[in-house]
């Protein structure tokens, strides 16, 4: 299972399933910099915005679960 961001949207890609990328989160209203799995397991992902907001999402259905504002601008 892989996560990637393309034009403001987070996609999941599972090569063993259909081989197609599946839209997980539509983030076009935010400036997302990165997303990755929240371990252990692959049930959740974490993303970060330029404004420093860290967000946790369910990989099952893209449900927003939690956020934490770091109070600083983030650069990757």
N, C-alpha and C. Protein backbone atom coordinates (compact mmCIF):
# COMPACT_ATOMS: atom_id res chain seq x y z
N UNK A 1 0.85 -1.18 0.00
CA UNK A 1 0.00 0.00 0.00
C UNK A 1 0.89 1.23 0.00
N UNK A 2 0.62 2.17 -0.91
CA UNK A 2 1.38 3.41 -1.01
C UNK A 2 0.42 4.59 -0.91
N UNK A 3 0.91 5.72 -0.40
CA UNK A 3 0.17 6.98 -0.40
C UNK A 3 0.93 7.97 -1.25
N UNK A 4 0.20 8.81 -2.01
CA UNK A 4 0.86 9.89 -2.73
C UNK A 4 -0.12 11.05 -2.89
N UNK A 5 0.43 12.24 -3.04
CA UNK A 5 -0.36 13.46 -3.21
C UNK A 5 -0.16 13.95 -4.64
N UNK A 6 -1.28 14.24 -5.32
CA UNK A 6 -1.23 14.77 -6.67
C UNK A 6 -2.29 15.85 -6.80
N UNK A 7 -1.87 17.07 -7.09
CA UNK A 7 -2.76 18.21 -7.29
C UNK A 7 -3.77 18.35 -6.15
N UNK A 8 -3.28 18.32 -4.91
CA UNK A 8 -4.14 18.58 -3.76
C UNK A 8 -5.02 17.42 -3.33
N UNK A 9 -4.77 16.22 -3.83
CA UNK A 9 -5.57 15.07 -3.46
C UNK A 9 -4.64 13.95 -3.02
N UNK A 10 -5.01 13.27 -1.92
CA UNK A 10 -4.23 12.13 -1.44
C UNK A 10 -4.84 10.86 -2.01
N UNK A 11 -4.00 10.04 -2.63
CA UNK A 11 -4.43 8.78 -3.22
C UNK A 11 -3.76 7.61 -2.50
N UNK A 12 -4.45 6.48 -2.48
CA UNK A 12 -3.82 5.24 -2.02
C UNK A 12 -3.68 4.33 -3.23
N UNK A 13 -2.62 3.55 -3.22
CA UNK A 13 -2.35 2.65 -4.33
C UNK A 13 -2.00 1.28 -3.77
N UNK A 14 -2.79 0.28 -4.14
CA UNK A 14 -2.58 -1.10 -3.70
C UNK A 14 -2.35 -1.96 -4.94
N UNK A 15 -1.09 -2.20 -5.27
CA UNK A 15 -0.80 -2.95 -6.51
C UNK A 15 -1.43 -4.34 -6.54
N UNK A 16 -1.58 -4.99 -5.40
CA UNK A 16 -2.13 -6.35 -5.37
C UNK A 16 -3.63 -6.38 -5.64
N UNK A 17 -4.32 -5.25 -5.46
CA UNK A 17 -5.77 -5.24 -5.70
C UNK A 17 -6.06 -4.95 -7.16
N UNK A 18 -6.57 -3.82 -7.47
CA UNK A 18 -6.96 -3.51 -8.85
C UNK A 18 -5.80 -2.91 -9.66
N UNK A 19 -4.75 -2.49 -8.98
CA UNK A 19 -3.65 -1.84 -9.68
C UNK A 19 -3.94 -0.39 -10.01
N UNK A 20 -5.06 0.15 -9.51
CA UNK A 20 -5.43 1.54 -9.76
C UNK A 20 -5.27 2.37 -8.50
N UNK A 21 -4.98 3.65 -8.68
CA UNK A 21 -4.92 4.58 -7.56
C UNK A 21 -6.35 4.97 -7.17
N UNK A 22 -6.61 5.00 -5.87
CA UNK A 22 -7.94 5.31 -5.35
C UNK A 22 -7.86 6.63 -4.59
N UNK A 23 -8.77 7.56 -4.94
CA UNK A 23 -8.79 8.83 -4.23
C UNK A 23 -9.22 8.59 -2.79
N UNK A 24 -8.37 9.02 -1.86
CA UNK A 24 -8.66 8.85 -0.44
C UNK A 24 -9.16 10.15 0.16
N UNK A 25 -8.45 11.25 -0.10
CA UNK A 25 -8.79 12.54 0.48
C UNK A 25 -8.71 13.61 -0.59
N UNK A 26 -9.73 14.46 -0.67
CA UNK A 26 -9.67 15.61 -1.57
C UNK A 26 -9.22 16.78 -0.74
N UNK A 27 -7.98 17.17 -0.94
CA UNK A 27 -7.38 18.21 -0.11
C UNK A 27 -7.17 19.50 -0.89
N UNK A 28 -7.94 19.70 -1.93
CA UNK A 28 -7.71 20.86 -2.80
C UNK A 28 -7.91 22.20 -2.09
N UNK A 29 -8.60 22.21 -0.96
CA UNK A 29 -8.81 23.46 -0.22
C UNK A 29 -7.67 23.76 0.74
N UNK A 30 -6.70 22.86 0.86
CA UNK A 30 -5.57 23.05 1.76
C UNK A 30 -4.27 22.87 1.01
N UNK A 31 -3.21 23.38 1.59
CA UNK A 31 -1.89 23.25 0.98
C UNK A 31 -1.14 22.11 1.66
N UNK A 32 -1.43 20.89 1.26
CA UNK A 32 -0.80 19.72 1.86
C UNK A 32 0.60 19.55 1.31
N UNK A 33 1.53 19.24 2.20
CA UNK A 33 2.91 19.01 1.80
C UNK A 33 3.25 17.53 1.73
N UNK A 34 2.73 16.76 2.69
CA UNK A 34 3.12 15.36 2.76
C UNK A 34 2.05 14.54 3.45
N UNK A 35 2.09 13.23 3.18
CA UNK A 35 1.20 12.27 3.85
C UNK A 35 1.96 10.97 3.99
N UNK A 36 1.71 10.27 5.07
CA UNK A 36 2.37 8.98 5.29
C UNK A 36 1.54 8.16 6.25
N UNK A 37 1.89 6.88 6.36
CA UNK A 37 1.17 5.99 7.27
C UNK A 37 1.47 6.33 8.72
N UNK A 38 0.48 6.13 9.56
CA UNK A 38 0.65 6.26 11.01
C UNK A 38 0.73 4.83 11.52
N UNK A 39 1.90 4.44 12.00
CA UNK A 39 2.12 3.06 12.41
C UNK A 39 1.83 2.86 13.89
N UNK A 40 1.57 1.65 14.35
CA UNK A 40 1.70 0.38 13.64
C UNK A 40 0.50 0.12 12.73
N UNK A 41 0.74 -0.68 11.73
CA UNK A 41 -0.32 -1.03 10.78
C UNK A 41 -0.47 0.00 9.69
N UNK A 42 -1.43 -0.23 8.80
CA UNK A 42 -1.72 0.68 7.69
C UNK A 42 -3.17 1.13 7.72
N UNK A 43 -3.72 1.34 8.92
CA UNK A 43 -5.12 1.73 9.03
C UNK A 43 -5.33 3.24 9.01
N UNK A 44 -4.28 4.00 9.28
CA UNK A 44 -4.40 5.45 9.38
C UNK A 44 -3.26 6.12 8.63
N UNK A 45 -3.52 7.35 8.17
CA UNK A 45 -2.44 8.15 7.60
C UNK A 45 -2.42 9.50 8.29
N UNK A 46 -1.28 10.14 8.22
CA UNK A 46 -1.10 11.45 8.80
C UNK A 46 -0.65 12.38 7.68
N UNK A 47 -1.16 13.60 7.68
CA UNK A 47 -0.78 14.58 6.66
C UNK A 47 -0.39 15.87 7.37
N UNK A 48 0.34 16.71 6.65
CA UNK A 48 0.75 18.01 7.20
C UNK A 48 0.56 19.08 6.13
N UNK A 49 0.09 20.24 6.57
CA UNK A 49 -0.12 21.38 5.66
C UNK A 49 1.01 22.38 5.83
N UNK A 50 1.12 23.30 4.90
CA UNK A 50 2.12 24.36 4.97
C UNK A 50 1.96 25.18 6.25
N UNK A 51 0.72 25.38 6.69
CA UNK A 51 0.44 26.18 7.88
C UNK A 51 0.81 25.45 9.18
N UNK A 52 1.22 24.17 9.09
CA UNK A 52 1.64 23.44 10.28
C UNK A 52 0.55 22.64 10.96
N UNK A 53 -0.50 22.32 10.23
CA UNK A 53 -1.58 21.51 10.79
C UNK A 53 -1.34 20.04 10.44
N UNK A 54 -1.19 19.21 11.47
CA UNK A 54 -1.02 17.77 11.30
C UNK A 54 -2.39 17.13 11.46
N UNK A 55 -2.79 16.29 10.51
CA UNK A 55 -4.12 15.69 10.52
C UNK A 55 -4.02 14.18 10.41
N UNK A 56 -4.94 13.47 11.08
CA UNK A 56 -4.98 12.01 11.04
C UNK A 56 -6.26 11.60 10.33
N UNK A 57 -6.14 10.64 9.39
CA UNK A 57 -7.24 10.18 8.55
C UNK A 57 -7.34 8.66 8.60
N UNK A 58 -8.53 8.13 8.46
CA UNK A 58 -8.74 6.69 8.32
C UNK A 58 -8.49 6.29 6.88
N UNK A 59 -7.71 5.24 6.65
CA UNK A 59 -7.48 4.76 5.30
C UNK A 59 -8.63 3.92 4.78
N UNK A 60 -9.51 3.48 5.67
CA UNK A 60 -10.66 2.67 5.26
C UNK A 60 -11.61 3.46 4.37
N UNK A 61 -11.96 4.70 4.81
CA UNK A 61 -12.96 5.47 4.09
C UNK A 61 -12.62 6.96 3.95
N UNK A 62 -11.41 7.35 4.36
CA UNK A 62 -11.00 8.75 4.25
C UNK A 62 -11.58 9.65 5.31
N UNK A 63 -12.11 9.09 6.40
CA UNK A 63 -12.69 9.88 7.47
C UNK A 63 -11.62 10.67 8.21
N UNK A 64 -11.88 11.97 8.41
CA UNK A 64 -11.00 12.82 9.20
C UNK A 64 -11.19 12.47 10.67
N UNK A 65 -10.10 12.21 11.39
CA UNK A 65 -10.19 11.77 12.78
C UNK A 65 -9.70 12.79 13.79
N UNK A 66 -8.60 13.48 13.48
CA UNK A 66 -8.00 14.35 14.48
C UNK A 66 -7.04 15.33 13.82
N UNK A 67 -6.74 16.43 14.52
CA UNK A 67 -5.74 17.38 14.01
C UNK A 67 -5.00 18.03 15.18
N UNK A 68 -3.81 18.50 14.87
CA UNK A 68 -2.95 19.19 15.83
C UNK A 68 -2.27 20.32 15.10
N UNK A 69 -2.42 21.54 15.60
CA UNK A 69 -1.78 22.68 14.98
C UNK A 69 -0.43 22.90 15.64
N UNK A 70 0.65 22.84 14.86
CA UNK A 70 2.00 23.00 15.39
C UNK A 70 2.36 24.46 15.66
N UNK A 71 1.58 25.38 15.12
CA UNK A 71 1.82 26.79 15.37
C UNK A 71 3.04 27.34 14.65
N UNK A 72 3.47 26.68 13.60
CA UNK A 72 4.61 27.15 12.82
C UNK A 72 4.46 26.67 11.38
N UNK A 73 5.04 27.43 10.47
CA UNK A 73 5.00 27.04 9.06
C UNK A 73 5.90 25.84 8.82
N UNK A 74 5.47 24.93 7.97
CA UNK A 74 6.21 23.70 7.73
C UNK A 74 6.82 23.74 6.33
N UNK A 75 8.02 23.21 6.20
CA UNK A 75 8.68 23.08 4.90
C UNK A 75 9.18 21.66 4.76
N UNK A 76 9.12 21.15 3.53
CA UNK A 76 9.60 19.79 3.26
C UNK A 76 10.79 19.88 2.35
